[in-house]
Structures are given as C-alpha cells and as structure tokens.
Amino acid sequence: MKIEAVDFFYLSMPVVTDAGDGSQDALVPGAQVAEIPSGCCGMAGAFGYEKEHYEVSMKVGELVLFPEIRKITENVLIAAPGTSCRHQIKDGTGRNAYHPIAILFDALIK
C-alpha cells in the first residue's frame, strides 16, 4: 500500500524534518504530513491503565485528541511515538496508530 498521508500526534521529529525555510518535509516520500492539533492523550504512561484512573484518562482524551482523530479519514495513517498513546488512541477511537519509524520502514521497503 502506498502511503499517501500521515497525521501525527505529539512528536513529529521522526516523520517530519525542517526544510530550513519554515516549511516541513515528510520523510515518507510523496506523503502529505499534518499535525493533529491536540493535547495529552490522557494515558500518561501507566496512569490510564489503572482502574481508578481509566475514566479520567478517557475524559482527557475526549477533550481534544479523540474528536480530532474521528475527523481523520480512514485512508490516513495516524502516527504516535508513545506506546501508551497508541493504545489510548485505539481504545478511545477504534483507530490504529503506528510508531512513526514503523511507517517510515513500511514506506522504504515497498
């Protein structure tokens, strides 16, 4: 599958480089890259895994991140470098999020 677009959450460094002129270039050739406007996913490491914090962690995710991800079309990959962030995105939206390096690897071997 050709990667046409990647939306990233939180840290963009592995997916995007500074072109030196104020613009950004995708490390995945030909892909459009956009930052997901959001705050914390709500997981905070193991915090959201704990039963007593689950409801709070989901409420934090619903503040900005989850609604923004729900707006993203299914043909766009979601990148998130944090393991707990990827789990929270999946649990809160049903969408898979991938580590940026995994996306880059897939793009390079195809």
C-alpha atoms as a PDB file:
ATOM      1  CA  MET A   1       0.000   0.000   0.000  1.00  0.00           C
ATOM      2  CA  LYS A   2       1.374   3.394  -0.974  1.00  0.00           C
ATOM      3  CA  ILE A   3       1.392   5.833   1.936  1.00  0.00           C
ATOM      4  CA  GLU A   4      -0.324   8.996   0.783  1.00  0.00           C
ATOM      5  CA  ALA A   5      -0.940  10.816   4.054  1.00  0.00           C
ATOM      6  CA  VAL A   6       0.185  10.618   7.660  1.00  0.00           C
ATOM      7  CA  ASP A   7      -1.301  12.575  10.554  1.00  0.00           C
ATOM      8  CA  PHE A   8       0.902  12.621  13.608  1.00  0.00           C
ATOM      9  CA  PHE A   9       0.187  13.119  17.274  1.00  0.00           C
ATOM     10  CA  TYR A  10       2.547  14.785  19.743  1.00  0.00           C
ATOM     11  CA  LEU A  11       6.135  14.496  18.500  1.00  0.00           C
ATOM     12  CA  SER A  12       6.762  15.000  14.814  1.00  0.00           C
ATOM     13  CA  MET A  13      10.525  14.559  14.720  1.00  0.00           C
ATOM     14  CA  PRO A  14      10.649  11.016  13.244  1.00  0.00           C
ATOM     15  CA  VAL A  15       8.132  11.803  10.485  1.00  0.00           C
ATOM     16  CA  VAL A  16       8.960  15.399   9.595  1.00  0.00           C
ATOM     17  CA  THR A  17      12.146  17.352   9.045  1.00  0.00           C
ATOM     18  CA  ASP A  18      12.637  21.105   8.996  1.00  0.00           C
ATOM     19  CA  ALA A  19      13.332  22.164   5.413  1.00  0.00           C
ATOM     20  CA  GLY A  20      15.187  25.263   6.646  1.00  0.00           C
ATOM     21  CA  ASP A  21      12.707  27.693   5.103  1.00  0.00           C
ATOM     22  CA  GLY A  22       9.967  27.408   7.725  1.00  0.00           C
ATOM     23  CA  SER A  23       8.256  24.519   5.924  1.00  0.00           C
ATOM     24  CA  GLN A  24       8.396  20.844   6.781  1.00  0.00           C
ATOM     25  CA  ASP A  25       9.228  17.879   4.566  1.00  0.00           C
ATOM     26  CA  ALA A  26       7.878  14.393   5.082  1.00  0.00           C
ATOM     27  CA  LEU A  27      10.456  11.669   5.487  1.00  0.00           C
ATOM     28  CA  VAL A  28       7.986   9.388   3.700  1.00  0.00           C
ATOM     29  CA  PRO A  29       8.469  10.413   0.064  1.00  0.00           C
ATOM     30  CA  GLY A  30       5.324  11.767  -1.537  1.00  0.00           C
ATOM     31  CA  ALA A  31       3.253  11.654   1.638  1.00  0.00           C
ATOM     32  CA  GLN A  32       1.343  14.606   2.974  1.00  0.00           C
ATOM     33  CA  VAL A  33       2.021  15.142   6.672  1.00  0.00           C
ATOM     34  CA  ALA A  34      -0.184  17.062   9.093  1.00  0.00           C
ATOM     35  CA  GLU A  35      -0.024  17.565  12.823  1.00  0.00           C
ATOM     36  CA  ILE A  36      -3.087  16.556  14.834  1.00  0.00           C
ATOM     37  CA  PRO A  37      -3.985  19.605  16.939  1.00  0.00           C
ATOM     38  CA  SER A  38      -4.289  18.147  20.405  1.00  0.00           C
ATOM     39  CA  GLY A  39      -3.076  17.982  23.943  1.00  0.00           C
ATOM     40  CA  CYS A  40      -2.423  14.984  26.134  1.00  0.00           C
ATOM     41  CA  CYS A  41      -3.977  11.672  25.139  1.00  0.00           C
ATOM     42  CA  GLY A  42      -4.892  11.050  28.780  1.00  0.00           C
ATOM     43  CA  MET A  43      -2.916   7.855  29.276  1.00  0.00           C
ATOM     44  CA  ALA A  44       0.191   9.381  30.917  1.00  0.00           C
ATOM     45  CA  GLY A  45       2.242   6.199  30.881  1.00  0.00           C
ATOM     46  CA  ALA A  46       0.542   3.610  33.080  1.00  0.00           C
ATOM     47  CA  PHE A  47      -1.889   6.111  34.660  1.00  0.00           C
ATOM     48  CA  GLY A  48      -4.789   5.309  32.340  1.00  0.00           C
ATOM     49  CA  TYR A  49      -4.261   1.564  32.665  1.00  0.00           C
ATOM     50  CA  GLU A  50      -5.122   1.736  36.360  1.00  0.00           C
ATOM     51  CA  LYS A  51      -8.791   1.011  37.051  1.00  0.00           C
ATOM     52  CA  GLU A  52      -9.232   4.028  39.315  1.00  0.00           C
ATOM     53  CA  HIS A  53      -7.866   6.388  36.613  1.00  0.00           C
ATOM     54  CA  TYR A  54      -9.480   4.927  33.500  1.00  0.00           C
ATOM     55  CA  GLU A  55     -12.495   7.258  33.418  1.00  0.00           C
ATOM     56  CA  VAL A  56     -10.323  10.355  33.929  1.00  0.00           C
ATOM     57  CA  SER A  57      -7.876   9.252  31.223  1.00  0.00           C
ATOM     58  CA  MET A  58     -10.704   8.797  28.720  1.00  0.00           C
ATOM     59  CA  LYS A  59     -12.167  12.210  29.593  1.00  0.00           C
ATOM     60  CA  VAL A  60      -8.781  13.827  28.925  1.00  0.00           C
ATOM     61  CA  GLY A  61      -8.594  12.075  25.553  1.00  0.00           C
ATOM     62  CA  GLU A  62     -12.091  13.323  24.721  1.00  0.00           C
ATOM     63  CA  LEU A  63     -11.104  16.956  25.350  1.00  0.00           C
ATOM     64  CA  VAL A  64      -9.314  17.341  22.010  1.00  0.00           C
ATOM     65  CA  LEU A  65      -7.453  14.288  20.701  1.00  0.00           C
ATOM     66  CA  PHE A  66     -10.257  11.764  20.196  1.00  0.00           C
ATOM     67  CA  PRO A  67     -12.601  14.203  18.406  1.00  0.00           C
ATOM     68  CA  GLU A  68      -9.739  15.292  16.125  1.00  0.00           C
ATOM     69  CA  ILE A  69      -8.868  11.680  15.258  1.00  0.00           C
ATOM     70  CA  ARG A  70     -12.506  10.898  14.485  1.00  0.00           C
ATOM     71  CA  LYS A  71     -12.376  13.632  11.816  1.00  0.00           C
ATOM     72  CA  ILE A  72      -9.463  11.929  10.019  1.00  0.00           C
ATOM     73  CA  THR A  73     -10.461   9.789   7.048  1.00  0.00           C
ATOM     74  CA  GLU A  74      -9.709   6.066   7.155  1.00  0.00           C
ATOM     75  CA  ASN A  75      -7.116   6.277   4.361  1.00  0.00           C
ATOM     76  CA  VAL A  76      -4.840   8.464   6.514  1.00  0.00           C
ATOM     77  CA  LEU A  77      -2.346   6.768   8.828  1.00  0.00           C
ATOM     78  CA  ILE A  78      -2.068   8.074  12.379  1.00  0.00           C
ATOM     79  CA  ALA A  79       1.436   8.262  13.828  1.00  0.00           C
ATOM     80  CA  ALA A  80       2.158   8.409  17.557  1.00  0.00           C
ATOM     81  CA  PRO A  81       5.587   7.682  19.019  1.00  0.00           C
ATOM     82  CA  GLY A  82       4.335   6.802  22.514  1.00  0.00           C
ATOM     83  CA  THR A  83       3.274   3.219  23.218  1.00  0.00           C
ATOM     84  CA  SER A  84       0.641   4.269  25.741  1.00  0.00           C
ATOM     85  CA  CYS A  85      -0.602   6.992  23.364  1.00  0.00           C
ATOM     86  CA  ARG A  86      -1.126   4.425  20.602  1.00  0.00           C
ATOM     87  CA  HIS A  87      -3.116   2.212  22.998  1.00  0.00           C
ATOM     88  CA  GLN A  88      -5.197   5.164  24.195  1.00  0.00           C
ATOM     89  CA  ILE A  89      -5.973   6.222  20.619  1.00  0.00           C
ATOM     90  CA  LYS A  90      -7.112   2.681  19.810  1.00  0.00           C
ATOM     91  CA  ASP A  91      -9.229   2.370  22.960  1.00  0.00           C
ATOM     92  CA  GLY A  92     -10.767   5.827  22.620  1.00  0.00           C
ATOM     93  CA  THR A  93     -11.422   5.940  18.877  1.00  0.00           C
ATOM     94  CA  GLY A  94     -11.090   2.425  17.472  1.00  0.00           C
ATOM     95  CA  ARG A  95      -8.342   3.694  15.136  1.00  0.00           C
ATOM     96  CA  ASN A  96      -4.884   2.170  14.983  1.00  0.00           C
ATOM     97  CA  ALA A  97      -1.951   4.491  15.485  1.00  0.00           C
ATOM     98  CA  TYR A  98       1.530   3.475  14.361  1.00  0.00           C
ATOM     99  CA  HIS A  99       5.012   4.387  15.516  1.00  0.00           C
ATOM    100  CA  PRO A 100       6.491   6.890  13.033  1.00  0.00           C
ATOM    101  CA  ILE A 101       9.517   4.672  12.442  1.00  0.00           C
ATOM    102  CA  ALA A 102       7.249   1.733  11.541  1.00  0.00           C
ATOM    103  CA  ILE A 103       5.530   3.950   8.970  1.00  0.00           C
ATOM    104  CA  LEU A 104       8.883   5.027   7.551  1.00  0.00           C
ATOM    105  CA  PHE A 105      10.090   1.403   7.443  1.00  0.00           C
ATOM    106  CA  ASP A 106       6.970   0.283   5.566  1.00  0.00           C
ATOM    107  CA  ALA A 107       7.394   3.133   3.093  1.00  0.00           C
ATOM    108  CA  LEU A 108      11.041   2.282   2.451  1.00  0.00           C
ATOM    109  CA  ILE A 109      10.581  -1.467   1.884  1.00  0.00           C
ATOM    110  CA  LYS A 110       7.724  -1.074  -0.590  1.00  0.00           C
END
